[in-house]
Protein backbone atom coordinates (compact mmCIF):
# COMPACT_ATOMS: atom_id res chain seq x y z
CA UNK A 1 16.55 41.66 -17.62
CA UNK A 2 16.52 45.49 -16.58
CA UNK A 3 15.93 45.82 -12.50
CA UNK A 4 12.48 47.10 -13.44
CA UNK A 5 11.01 44.11 -15.25
CA UNK A 6 12.16 42.24 -12.26
CA UNK A 7 10.93 44.58 -9.68
CA UNK A 8 7.61 44.57 -11.43
CA UNK A 9 8.28 40.17 -11.52
CA UNK A 10 8.68 40.83 -7.83
CA UNK A 11 5.50 42.70 -7.45
CA UNK A 12 2.94 41.41 -9.42
CA UNK A 13 2.72 38.02 -7.82
CA UNK A 14 2.31 39.43 -4.52
CA UNK A 15 -0.64 41.57 -5.64
CA UNK A 16 -2.40 38.73 -8.14
CA UNK A 17 -1.34 35.80 -5.97
CA UNK A 18 -4.08 36.68 -3.01
CA UNK A 19 -6.55 37.25 -6.23
CA UNK A 20 -5.55 34.32 -7.75
CA UNK A 21 -5.67 31.87 -4.35
CA UNK A 22 -9.23 33.67 -3.62
CA UNK A 23 -10.80 33.17 -7.20
CA UNK A 24 -9.10 29.75 -6.99
CA UNK A 25 -10.92 28.94 -3.38
CA UNK A 26 -13.88 29.99 -4.80
CA UNK A 27 -13.85 28.22 -7.91
CA UNK A 28 -12.48 25.03 -6.02
CA UNK A 29 -14.81 25.56 -3.27
CA UNK A 30 -17.68 25.73 -5.62
CA UNK A 31 -16.43 22.94 -7.88
CA UNK A 32 -16.24 20.79 -4.95
CA UNK A 33 -19.87 21.45 -3.90
CA UNK A 34 -20.95 21.07 -7.35
CA UNK A 35 -19.26 17.92 -7.60
CA UNK A 36 -19.99 16.46 -4.65
CA UNK A 37 -23.73 17.08 -5.13
CA UNK A 38 -23.59 15.26 -8.63
CA UNK A 39 -21.54 12.54 -7.16
CA UNK A 40 -23.59 11.83 -4.61
CA UNK A 41 -26.63 11.63 -6.91
CA UNK A 42 -24.37 9.01 -9.15
CA UNK A 43 -23.85 7.15 -6.12
CA UNK A 44 -27.40 7.31 -4.76
CA UNK A 45 -28.42 5.81 -7.82
CA UNK A 46 -26.07 3.03 -8.07
CA UNK A 47 -27.03 2.34 -4.60
CA UNK A 48 -30.38 2.54 -5.61
CA UNK A 49 -29.77 -0.45 -8.24
CA UNK A 50 -27.79 -1.96 -6.01
CA UNK A 51 -30.66 -2.32 -3.38
CA UNK A 52 -33.16 -3.49 -5.81
CA UNK A 53 -30.85 -6.28 -7.59
CA UNK A 54 -30.57 -7.34 -4.10
CA UNK A 55 -34.11 -7.55 -3.56
CA UNK A 56 -34.39 -9.59 -6.72
CA UNK A 57 -32.09 -11.73 -5.57
CA UNK A 58 -33.20 -12.42 -2.25
CA UNK A 59 -36.67 -13.39 -3.58
CA UNK A 60 -34.76 -16.04 -5.86
CA UNK A 61 -33.12 -17.21 -2.88
CA UNK A 62 -36.10 -17.03 -0.81
CA UNK A 63 -38.05 -19.03 -3.27
CA UNK A 64 -35.40 -21.71 -4.02
CA UNK A 65 -35.58 -20.37 -7.38
CA UNK A 66 -31.59 -18.86 -7.58
CA UNK A 67 -30.02 -22.02 -9.45
CA UNK A 68 -32.66 -21.60 -12.23
CA UNK A 69 -31.48 -19.93 -14.64
CA UNK A 70 -35.20 -18.65 -16.24
CA UNK A 71 -36.04 -17.33 -13.20
CA UNK A 72 -32.54 -15.58 -12.62
CA UNK A 73 -32.71 -14.10 -16.58
CA UNK A 74 -36.01 -12.65 -15.15
CA UNK A 75 -34.58 -11.15 -12.02
CA UNK A 76 -32.06 -9.80 -14.26
CA UNK A 77 -34.59 -8.17 -16.96
CA UNK A 78 -36.43 -6.59 -13.95
CA UNK A 79 -33.22 -4.95 -12.67
CA UNK A 80 -32.59 -3.38 -16.14
CA UNK A 81 -36.20 -2.22 -16.33
CA UNK A 82 -35.68 -0.17 -12.96
CA UNK A 83 -32.37 0.69 -14.36
CA UNK A 84 -34.04 2.63 -17.41
CA UNK A 85 -36.42 4.19 -14.54
CA UNK A 86 -33.56 6.16 -12.87
CA UNK A 87 -32.41 7.66 -15.97
CA UNK A 88 -33.15 11.64 -15.87
CA UNK A 89 -31.56 12.81 -18.99
CA UNK A 90 -30.55 11.56 -22.33
CA UNK A 91 -26.95 11.78 -20.98
CA UNK A 92 -27.15 9.11 -18.40
CA UNK A 93 -26.38 5.80 -19.27
CA UNK A 94 -26.50 2.63 -17.08
CA UNK A 95 -24.58 -0.47 -17.93
CA UNK A 96 -24.06 -3.80 -15.84
CA UNK A 97 -20.66 -5.48 -16.89
CA UNK A 98 -19.88 -9.07 -16.04
CA UNK A 99 -17.02 -10.77 -14.76
CA UNK A 100 -15.03 -10.67 -17.81
CA UNK A 101 -16.01 -6.93 -18.66
CA UNK A 102 -18.59 -7.36 -21.14
CA UNK A 103 -21.98 -5.21 -21.34
CA UNK A 104 -24.57 -7.85 -19.69
CA UNK A 105 -27.16 -4.71 -19.63
CA UNK A 106 -27.31 -1.36 -20.76
CA UNK A 107 -30.46 1.27 -20.89
CA UNK A 108 -29.22 2.56 -23.96
CA UNK A 109 -27.13 1.08 -27.18
CA UNK A 110 -23.52 2.09 -27.59
CA UNK A 111 -20.66 0.88 -29.80
CA UNK A 112 -17.14 0.56 -27.98
CA UNK A 113 -14.01 0.88 -29.70
CA UNK A 114 -11.05 -1.63 -29.19
CA UNK A 115 -9.44 0.57 -26.79
CA UNK A 116 -12.54 0.96 -24.57
CA UNK A 117 -13.20 -2.66 -24.16
CA UNK A 118 -10.09 -3.45 -22.24
CA UNK A 119 -10.73 -0.08 -20.00
CA UNK A 120 -14.36 -1.84 -19.29
CA UNK A 121 -12.99 -5.18 -18.20
CA UNK A 122 -10.29 -3.67 -16.05
CA UNK A 123 -13.45 -1.70 -14.20
CA UNK A 124 -15.17 -4.97 -13.79
CA UNK A 125 -12.20 -6.09 -11.71
CA UNK A 126 -11.33 -3.21 -9.82
CA UNK A 127 -12.75 -2.00 -6.56
CA UNK A 128 -16.12 -0.30 -6.10
CA UNK A 129 -16.19 3.50 -6.55
CA UNK A 130 -15.77 6.66 -8.63
CA UNK A 131 -14.12 6.42 -12.15
CA UNK A 132 -13.54 8.53 -15.62
CA UNK A 133 -13.75 6.49 -18.60
CA UNK A 134 -14.65 6.80 -22.16
CA UNK A 135 -17.57 5.08 -23.63
CA UNK A 136 -18.75 5.45 -27.44
CA UNK A 137 -16.43 7.99 -27.88
CA UNK A 138 -17.39 10.21 -25.36
CA UNK A 139 -15.79 11.13 -21.87
CA UNK A 140 -17.79 10.17 -19.05
CA UNK A 141 -17.68 10.22 -15.19
CA UNK A 142 -19.10 6.93 -13.58
CA UNK A 143 -19.81 5.22 -10.18
CA UNK A 144 -19.62 1.65 -9.75
CA UNK A 145 -21.15 -1.33 -7.65
CA UNK A 146 -20.69 -4.49 -8.00
CA UNK A 147 -23.31 -7.24 -7.51
CA UNK A 148 -21.39 -10.67 -6.96
CA UNK A 149 -25.00 -12.80 -7.39
CA UNK A 150 -25.12 -11.67 -10.85
CA UNK A 151 -21.70 -11.50 -11.25
CA UNK A 152 -22.20 -7.71 -12.74
CA UNK A 153 -20.70 -4.53 -12.08
CA UNK A 154 -22.87 -1.60 -12.39
CA UNK A 155 -21.76 1.76 -13.76
CA UNK A 156 -23.97 4.51 -13.66
CA UNK A 157 -22.69 7.38 -15.73
CA UNK A 158 -22.98 10.73 -17.00
CA UNK A 159 -21.54 12.84 -19.95
CA UNK A 160 -18.16 14.58 -18.08
CA UNK A 161 -18.97 18.06 -19.53
CA UNK A 162 -22.55 17.61 -18.79
CA UNK A 163 -21.39 16.68 -15.09
CA UNK A 164 -18.74 20.05 -15.09
CA UNK A 165 -21.02 22.19 -16.78
CA UNK A 166 -21.67 24.57 -14.06
CA UNK A 167 -18.47 24.06 -13.09
CA UNK A 168 -16.52 25.23 -16.02
CA UNK A 169 -18.70 28.25 -16.00
CA UNK A 170 -17.42 29.36 -12.87
CA UNK A 171 -14.08 28.82 -13.76
CA UNK A 172 -14.60 30.98 -16.95
CA UNK A 173 -15.71 33.50 -14.98
CA UNK A 174 -12.68 33.52 -12.30
CA UNK A 175 -10.85 33.81 -15.12
CA UNK A 176 -12.14 36.82 -16.84
CA UNK A 177 -12.35 38.66 -13.85
CA UNK A 178 -8.48 37.79 -12.98
CA UNK A 179 -7.34 38.87 -16.26
CA UNK A 180 -8.82 42.21 -16.10
CA UNK A 181 -7.48 42.31 -12.61
CA UNK A 182 -3.89 41.66 -13.86
CA UNK A 183 -3.98 44.13 -16.60
CA UNK A 184 -5.16 47.44 -14.65
CA UNK A 185 -2.34 46.11 -12.27
CA UNK A 186 0.18 45.86 -14.41
CA UNK A 187 -0.20 49.21 -16.26
CA UNK A 188 -0.34 51.13 -12.65
CA UNK A 189 2.55 49.06 -11.57
CA UNK A 190 4.68 49.66 -14.39
CA UNK A 191 4.30 53.64 -14.37
CA UNK A 192 4.96 53.53 -10.64
CA UNK A 193 8.49 51.21 -10.64
CA UNK A 194 9.65 53.54 -13.73
CA UNK A 195 9.51 56.33 -11.37
CA UNK A 196 10.68 54.44 -8.52
CA UNK A 197 13.41 53.04 -9.97
CA UNK A 198 15.46 55.08 -12.53
CA UNK A 199 18.06 56.50 -9.80
CA UNK A 200 19.41 52.90 -9.50
CA UNK A 201 20.32 52.97 -12.97
CA UNK A 202 24.01 53.89 -12.02
CA UNK A 203 24.56 51.29 -9.05
CA UNK A 204 23.02 48.36 -11.33
CA UNK A 205 25.87 49.50 -13.78
CA UNK A 206 28.50 49.43 -11.20
CA UNK A 207 27.13 46.20 -9.54
CA UNK A 208 27.51 44.50 -13.56
CA UNK A 209 31.21 45.60 -13.94
CA UNK A 210 32.07 43.96 -10.18
CA UNK A 211 29.95 40.85 -11.27
CA UNK A 212 31.50 40.81 -14.64
CA UNK A 213 35.14 40.84 -13.57
CA UNK A 214 34.41 38.34 -10.81
CA UNK A 215 36.62 40.68 -8.31
CA UNK A 216 35.05 41.62 -5.30
CA UNK A 217 38.17 44.02 -4.50
CA UNK A 218 35.46 46.62 -6.80
CA UNK A 219 33.50 48.79 -5.08
CA UNK A 220 30.75 50.70 -6.14
CA UNK A 221 31.01 54.53 -6.18
CA UNK A 222 28.58 56.40 -3.97
CA UNK A 223 26.68 59.44 -5.74
CA UNK A 224 23.86 59.58 -3.33
CA UNK A 225 23.48 60.55 0.17
CA UNK A 226 20.24 59.11 0.67
CA UNK A 227 18.76 55.33 0.89
CA UNK A 228 20.20 54.80 -2.65
CA UNK A 229 23.52 55.60 -0.87
CA UNK A 230 23.03 53.56 2.06
CA UNK A 231 22.28 50.82 -0.27
CA UNK A 232 25.62 51.37 -2.27
CA UNK A 233 27.57 51.36 0.72
CA UNK A 234 26.03 48.56 2.37
CA UNK A 235 26.84 46.59 -0.85
CA UNK A 236 30.90 47.66 -0.49
CA UNK A 237 30.98 46.28 3.43
CA UNK A 238 28.98 43.32 1.83
CA UNK A 239 31.71 42.58 -0.91
CA UNK A 240 34.41 42.87 1.59
CA UNK A 241 33.03 40.34 3.93
CA UNK A 242 32.00 38.00 0.89
CA UNK A 243 36.10 38.28 -0.34
CA UNK A 244 37.07 36.97 3.06
CA UNK A 245 34.39 34.46 3.27
CA UNK A 246 35.21 33.07 -0.40
CA UNK A 247 38.55 31.64 0.80
CA UNK A 248 36.93 29.92 3.81
CA UNK A 249 34.30 28.51 1.88
CA UNK A 250 36.70 26.82 -1.01
CA UNK A 251 38.24 25.34 1.70
CA UNK A 252 35.41 24.08 3.42
CA UNK A 253 33.75 22.57 0.28
CA UNK A 254 36.91 20.52 -0.69
CA UNK A 255 36.87 18.93 2.98
CA UNK A 256 33.31 18.79 2.96
CA UNK A 257 33.69 16.50 -0.67
CA UNK A 258 36.14 14.44 0.42
CA UNK A 259 34.14 13.69 4.21
CA UNK A 260 30.98 12.98 1.97
CA UNK A 261 32.86 10.46 -0.17
CA UNK A 262 34.64 8.76 2.44
CA UNK A 263 31.08 8.64 4.11
CA UNK A 264 29.29 7.21 1.32
CA UNK A 265 32.09 4.35 0.99
CA UNK A 266 31.32 3.32 4.54
CA UNK A 267 27.86 3.08 3.91
CA UNK A 268 27.87 0.85 0.66
CA UNK A 269 29.60 -1.36 2.70
CA UNK A 270 27.72 -1.98 5.44
CA UNK A 271 24.35 -1.79 3.83
CA UNK A 272 25.24 -5.15 2.65
CA UNK A 273 25.15 -6.28 6.16
CA UNK A 274 23.08 -3.50 8.18
CA UNK A 275 19.49 -2.03 7.18
CA UNK A 276 20.15 1.61 5.89
CA UNK A 277 17.59 2.62 8.58
CA UNK A 278 19.41 1.44 11.09
CA UNK A 279 22.72 3.32 9.52
CA UNK A 280 21.34 6.38 9.55
CA UNK A 281 20.22 6.26 12.89
CA UNK A 282 23.32 5.62 14.57
CA UNK A 283 24.94 7.59 12.37
CA UNK A 284 22.90 10.51 13.84
CA UNK A 285 22.96 8.98 17.48
CA UNK A 286 26.32 6.88 18.02
CA UNK A 287 26.14 6.64 21.74
CA UNK A 288 22.88 4.39 21.18
CA UNK A 289 25.20 1.95 19.22
CA UNK A 290 24.66 -0.70 21.82
CA UNK A 291 21.64 0.20 23.34
CA UNK A 292 18.81 -2.19 23.41
CA UNK A 293 14.58 -1.49 23.90
CA UNK A 294 11.51 -3.23 23.95
CA UNK A 295 9.36 -2.59 20.73
CA UNK A 296 6.41 -4.33 19.56
CA UNK A 297 6.93 -6.11 16.25
CA UNK A 298 6.10 -8.79 13.85
CA UNK A 299 8.62 -11.57 13.65
CA UNK A 300 8.59 -13.55 10.41
CA UNK A 301 10.35 -16.87 10.02
CA UNK A 302 10.64 -18.94 6.65
CA UNK A 303 11.94 -22.04 5.94
CA UNK A 304 12.64 -24.30 2.59
CA UNK A 305 11.16 -27.58 3.52
CA UNK A 306 13.46 -30.76 2.91
CA UNK A 307 16.04 -28.87 1.48
CA UNK A 308 18.42 -31.58 2.29
CA UNK A 309 16.57 -33.89 0.16
CA UNK A 310 16.18 -31.04 -2.18
CA UNK A 311 19.64 -30.39 -2.60
CA UNK A 312 20.92 -34.09 -3.23
CA UNK A 313 20.57 -34.16 -7.09
CA UNK A 314 21.82 -30.49 -7.63
CA UNK A 315 25.57 -29.35 -7.80
CA UNK A 316 27.06 -26.83 -5.68
CA UNK A 317 26.90 -24.41 -8.11
CA UNK A 318 23.22 -25.12 -8.96
CA UNK A 319 22.40 -24.77 -4.92
CA UNK A 320 24.26 -22.04 -4.54
CA UNK A 321 22.51 -20.43 -7.82
CA UNK A 322 18.91 -21.40 -7.01
CA UNK A 323 19.63 -20.06 -3.33
CA UNK A 324 20.42 -16.91 -4.32
CA UNK A 325 17.53 -16.27 -6.66
CA UNK A 326 15.15 -17.54 -4.25
CA UNK A 327 16.49 -15.07 -1.38
CA UNK A 328 17.11 -12.12 -4.00
CA UNK A 329 13.06 -12.70 -4.58
CA UNK A 330 12.13 -13.02 -1.17
CA UNK A 331 14.10 -10.12 0.30
CA UNK A 332 13.15 -7.75 -2.20
CA UNK A 333 9.14 -8.40 -1.17
CA UNK A 334 10.19 -7.83 2.75
CA UNK A 335 11.85 -4.69 2.48
CA UNK A 336 8.94 -3.89 -0.32
CA UNK A 337 6.68 -4.21 2.73
CA UNK A 338 8.73 -1.87 5.13
CA UNK A 339 10.42 -5.19 6.50
CA UNK A 340 14.14 -5.93 7.55
CA UNK A 341 15.96 -9.21 6.88
CA UNK A 342 17.41 -10.03 10.09
CA UNK A 343 19.30 -12.77 9.19
CA UNK A 344 19.85 -16.20 7.02
CA UNK A 345 19.78 -19.41 9.12
CA UNK A 346 21.05 -22.04 6.61
CA UNK A 347 18.02 -22.10 3.78
CA UNK A 348 15.77 -20.08 6.37
CA UNK A 349 14.93 -16.16 6.66
CA UNK A 350 14.14 -14.33 9.44
CA UNK A 351 13.01 -11.24 9.10
CA UNK A 352 10.77 -8.26 11.58
CA UNK A 353 8.56 -5.47 11.18
CA UNK A 354 8.31 -2.55 13.06
CA UNK A 355 11.89 -1.18 13.56
CA UNK A 356 14.04 0.78 13.35
CA UNK A 357 10.59 2.83 11.98
CA UNK A 358 7.52 1.71 13.41
CA UNK A 359 4.21 1.74 11.28
CA UNK A 360 0.83 1.40 12.13
CA UNK A 361 -0.08 -1.52 9.54
CA UNK A 362 3.17 -3.56 10.39
CA UNK A 363 1.15 -7.01 11.08
CA UNK A 364 -0.64 -6.34 7.82
CA UNK A 365 2.16 -5.48 5.91
CA UNK A 366 4.09 -8.40 7.10
CA UNK A 367 0.96 -10.76 6.24
CA UNK A 368 1.11 -9.55 2.84
CA UNK A 369 4.46 -10.39 2.67
CA UNK A 370 3.97 -13.69 3.20
CA UNK A 371 1.27 -13.95 0.55
CA UNK A 372 3.51 -12.32 -1.77
CA UNK A 373 6.34 -14.73 -0.92
CA UNK A 374 3.88 -17.30 -1.94
CA UNK A 375 3.17 -15.97 -5.32
CA UNK A 376 6.85 -15.28 -5.87
CA UNK A 377 7.31 -18.91 -5.18
CA UNK A 378 5.29 -20.03 -7.87
CA UNK A 379 7.32 -17.97 -10.25
CA UNK A 380 10.60 -19.02 -8.83
CA UNK A 381 9.30 -22.90 -9.29
CA UNK A 382 8.56 -22.23 -13.06
CA UNK A 383 11.87 -21.16 -13.48
CA UNK A 384 13.23 -23.95 -11.43
CA UNK A 385 11.30 -26.90 -13.67
CA UNK A 386 12.46 -25.00 -17.14
CA UNK A 387 15.86 -25.59 -15.58
CA UNK A 388 15.24 -29.37 -14.71
CA UNK A 389 15.71 -28.51 -11.10
CA UNK A 390 13.22 -29.55 -7.68
CA UNK A 391 10.85 -27.05 -7.05
CA UNK A 392 11.01 -25.62 -3.34
CA UNK A 393 8.07 -25.33 -0.76
CA UNK A 394 8.22 -23.19 2.02
CA UNK A 395 6.55 -22.99 5.44
CA UNK A 396 6.09 -19.01 6.93
CA UNK A 397 5.37 -18.34 10.82
CA UNK A 398 4.41 -14.94 11.64
CA UNK A 399 3.91 -13.62 15.49
CA UNK A 400 3.54 -10.13 16.87
CA UNK A 401 4.58 -9.02 20.40
CA UNK A 402 7.13 -7.46 22.16
CA UNK A 403 10.58 -8.20 21.89
CA UNK A 404 13.67 -7.00 22.62
CA UNK A 405 15.65 -5.26 19.62
CA UNK A 406 19.19 -3.67 18.88
CA UNK A 407 22.54 -4.15 18.24
CA UNK A 408 23.52 -6.94 20.45
CA UNK A 409 27.32 -8.36 20.49
CA UNK A 410 30.71 -6.58 21.68
CA UNK A 411 32.49 -3.83 20.23
CA UNK A 412 34.44 -6.05 17.74
CA UNK A 413 30.89 -8.09 16.65
CA UNK A 414 27.64 -7.14 16.99
CA UNK A 415 24.50 -7.81 15.03
CA UNK A 416 20.89 -5.76 14.59
CA UNK A 417 18.90 -8.07 15.55
CA UNK A 418 15.74 -9.23 17.86
CA UNK A 419 15.56 -11.73 20.98
CA UNK A 420 12.80 -12.94 23.03
CA UNK A 421 9.91 -14.98 23.60
CA UNK A 422 7.88 -13.74 21.07
CA UNK A 423 10.65 -14.62 18.64
CA UNK A 424 10.93 -18.29 19.32
CA UNK A 425 6.89 -18.60 18.98
CA UNK A 426 7.17 -17.58 15.15
CA UNK A 427 9.72 -19.95 15.16
CA UNK A 428 7.81 -22.70 16.16
CA UNK A 429 4.77 -21.63 14.10
CA UNK A 430 7.13 -21.96 10.76
CA UNK A 431 7.93 -25.23 11.80
CA UNK A 432 4.15 -26.00 12.62
CA UNK A 433 3.52 -25.66 9.05
CA UNK A 434 5.02 -29.15 8.36
CA UNK A 435 2.37 -30.51 10.87
CA UNK A 436 -0.43 -29.09 9.67
CA UNK A 437 0.71 -29.35 6.29
CA UNK A 438 -0.09 -25.47 5.71
CA UNK A 439 2.34 -23.36 3.88
CA UNK A 440 1.30 -20.14 6.13
CA UNK A 441 0.38 -19.88 9.95
CA UNK A 442 0.11 -16.72 11.95
CA UNK A 443 -0.51 -16.43 15.90
CA UNK A 444 -3.73 -15.23 17.76
CA UNK A 445 -2.28 -11.85 17.94
CA UNK A 446 -1.24 -11.11 14.50
CA UNK A 447 -4.64 -12.70 13.83
CA UNK A 448 -6.38 -10.18 15.89
CA UNK A 449 -4.98 -7.22 14.00
CA UNK A 450 -5.35 -8.57 10.32
CA UNK A 451 -8.94 -10.46 10.53
CA UNK A 452 -10.69 -7.43 9.04
CA UNK A 453 -8.35 -7.32 5.98
CA UNK A 454 -7.73 -10.83 5.76
CA UNK A 455 -9.22 -14.40 5.37
CA UNK A 456 -8.00 -16.55 8.45
CA UNK A 457 -9.20 -20.09 9.30
CA UNK A 458 -8.68 -21.30 12.85
CA UNK A 459 -6.29 -24.18 12.56
CA UNK A 460 -5.83 -25.39 16.12
CA UNK A 461 -5.13 -24.33 19.90
CA UNK A 462 -1.55 -25.57 20.42
CA UNK A 463 0.98 -25.41 23.44
CA UNK A 464 4.54 -25.43 21.68
CA UNK A 465 7.62 -27.01 23.05
CA UNK A 466 9.23 -24.51 26.23
CA UNK A 467 6.02 -23.09 26.59
CA UNK A 468 3.24 -23.68 29.42
CA UNK A 469 0.53 -21.34 27.92
CA UNK A 470 -1.28 -22.36 24.76
CA UNK A 471 -2.08 -20.19 21.59
CA UNK A 472 -4.47 -20.38 19.10
CA UNK A 473 -3.25 -20.75 15.32
CA UNK A 474 -4.36 -19.11 12.24
CA UNK A 475 -4.18 -20.11 8.76
CA UNK A 476 -4.49 -16.72 6.72
CA UNK A 477 -4.98 -16.90 2.66
CA UNK A 478 -4.99 -13.97 0.09
CA UNK A 479 -8.07 -15.21 -1.55
CA UNK A 480 -10.93 -17.64 -0.61
CA UNK A 481 -13.38 -18.83 -3.46
CA UNK A 482 -16.81 -19.32 -2.63
CA UNK A 483 -17.05 -22.92 -1.73
CA UNK A 484 -13.77 -22.86 0.13
CA UNK A 485 -15.56 -19.79 2.44
CA UNK A 486 -18.55 -22.31 3.01
CA UNK A 487 -16.31 -24.85 3.90
CA UNK A 488 -14.02 -23.08 5.96
CA UNK A 489 -17.55 -21.74 7.81
CA UNK A 490 -18.50 -25.33 8.37
CA UNK A 491 -14.85 -26.00 9.90
CA UNK A 492 -15.00 -23.09 12.00
CA UNK A 493 -19.01 -24.02 13.35
CA UNK A 494 -17.27 -27.96 13.77
CA UNK A 495 -14.05 -26.13 15.89
CA UNK A 496 -17.21 -24.16 18.22
CA UNK A 497 -18.69 -27.46 18.87
CA UNK A 498 -15.41 -29.13 19.16
CA UNK A 499 -14.04 -27.10 22.27
CA UNK A 500 -17.68 -27.03 23.98
CA UNK A 501 -16.99 -31.20 23.98
CA UNK A 502 -19.60 -31.45 21.45
CA UNK A 503 -17.79 -34.14 19.44
CA UNK A 504 -20.87 -35.62 17.83
CA UNK A 505 -21.82 -32.35 16.66
CA UNK A 506 -18.27 -31.39 15.75
CA UNK A 507 -17.62 -34.43 13.68
CA UNK A 508 -20.72 -33.57 11.68
CA UNK A 509 -19.40 -30.30 10.81
CA UNK A 510 -16.32 -31.33 9.91
CA UNK A 511 -17.98 -34.25 7.71
CA UNK A 512 -19.81 -31.44 5.78
CA UNK A 513 -16.87 -29.29 5.42
CA UNK A 514 -14.94 -32.42 3.90
CA UNK A 515 -17.36 -32.31 1.21
CA UNK A 516 -16.34 -28.48 0.07
CA UNK A 517 -12.60 -28.63 1.01
CA UNK A 518 -11.24 -31.83 -0.89
CA UNK A 519 -7.79 -32.86 -0.17
CA UNK A 520 -7.55 -30.67 2.93
CA UNK A 521 -4.81 -31.55 5.12
CA UNK A 522 -6.62 -30.20 8.44
CA UNK A 523 -9.78 -31.94 8.46
CA UNK A 524 -8.71 -35.65 8.85
CA UNK A 525 -6.75 -34.47 11.69
CA UNK A 526 -10.39 -33.55 13.73
CA UNK A 527 -12.29 -36.21 12.27
CA UNK A 528 -9.77 -39.06 14.23
CA UNK A 529 -9.50 -36.63 16.99
CA UNK A 530 -13.86 -36.55 17.24
CA UNK A 531 -13.77 -40.27 16.78
CA UNK A 532 -11.20 -41.18 19.73
CA UNK A 533 -13.24 -38.26 22.03
CA UNK A 534 -15.99 -40.13 21.14
CA UNK A 535 -14.88 -43.38 22.31
CA UNK A 536 -12.87 -42.27 24.56
CA UNK A 537 -13.68 -38.44 26.46
CA UNK A 538 -10.77 -36.16 27.13
CA UNK A 539 -10.37 -35.27 30.86
CA UNK A 540 -12.63 -32.97 32.62
CA UNK A 541 -9.75 -29.73 32.53
CA UNK A 542 -9.28 -30.75 29.22
CA UNK A 543 -9.27 -27.07 27.47
CA UNK A 544 -8.62 -28.12 23.66
CA UNK A 545 -4.75 -27.69 23.92
CA UNK A 546 -2.63 -29.96 21.99
CA UNK A 547 0.58 -30.31 22.99
CA UNK A 548 3.18 -30.48 20.70
CA UNK A 549 6.48 -31.25 22.44
CA UNK A 550 8.51 -31.88 19.13
CA UNK A 551 8.00 -28.23 18.23
């Protein structure tokens, strides 16, 4: 490519880019404005439809008709009629999907292809919001809204072409103006560049000879005593310096490659024992190798219950193979949630979240990691069953607070680990999962940071071994069914009366909760406590704490 063409390619973007950016910004602003208005209009319709459905449902509930299918169907018919009243154009379409993604209500007839049916099923399970889908062979934009009482997901949709019609017109006009400006610019620029670059031809030829021969000792012949001559002289000076630097660069490059390979070997070895983030940190600051610091972390302990009994019928090879499979799954989950596996304590795992890199959602990531571990355990146990091996049960304890973290040990042997009273409490919580027969327990400090995102059940107020102050403990659960949620609510009401020393009232709520929570391990504990305290009330200074000396 000739230098003239290169000059054009350099200058044209400098001229065209501002035009392009201005046109793009104007088009984007117009698109965003139009899209925002149209989106809000669809969202308004979906909210209106949801509000109307809520009003219908509340009427059923207030009149105790929500359990009678015929009245529920009448309410659904009223909602469908209201949906049709919201239609303002021939291209609009409002649907209601049931929990399986089937069309439960539609303002117009529509034929779905086989490829479109799974899309609706996914929408029925997805979160509320904006979506772009294909229905009846037509691409549509849609706003979804859930209405759990009917088990419906409302979809207020519009043809995509109709939705973006005004936006497409703006794009077309902007593109036409840009093309015209570009053509005019190219014509004028080519004329000026041809005039300016003609004297550079000789220098370009000389440069090509030097580059073609790869001989930095050659020099450009100076033919002009002007700016172009200065350019040639500067080029000769540059090639002289490059010739000197070239030999140094080759030497440095060789030593750099050797050092890089050695460093990578060291990293590959030590990443098996130390987290990669820690290695990177100490490579940058070796002087901090033995310095500890106070940090706020989430600490997790996970232990296999009754592992000694489980391992008795297994051969050593089977034990090792099962443990390696189990640990691989759990460690992958912890690391995927930004956690660090501190150590293995027999069949237990100790991990922490929030170091060496702190994240705003460390407590939530730790809780989600616990949920993922329990889910992964189900798949692991299926594999164990196929191999006719015992299944594993685990308990997980999680605490959040200030710890001391760093490389603890001596210059010859050290661990990147955490220590402190908060770590001990996390270990105690894991042990308490056996006492209360639940798989997962979190402390009050974790609960206060995840209660908006995670369903949690208050289990007890305990004073564990080695502690003088008590703490509340909670059982988090990823999914809570409707009946279970009602049972938890009754349980919490009972706990409120229990801590107020109103044991008669607490007993009633616990009995009601037991009707919804079959085989619940917690309620029998409180039923027995209430019966005991009714007969023999606790001391006047009783605060409701359970002292667990064994844990």
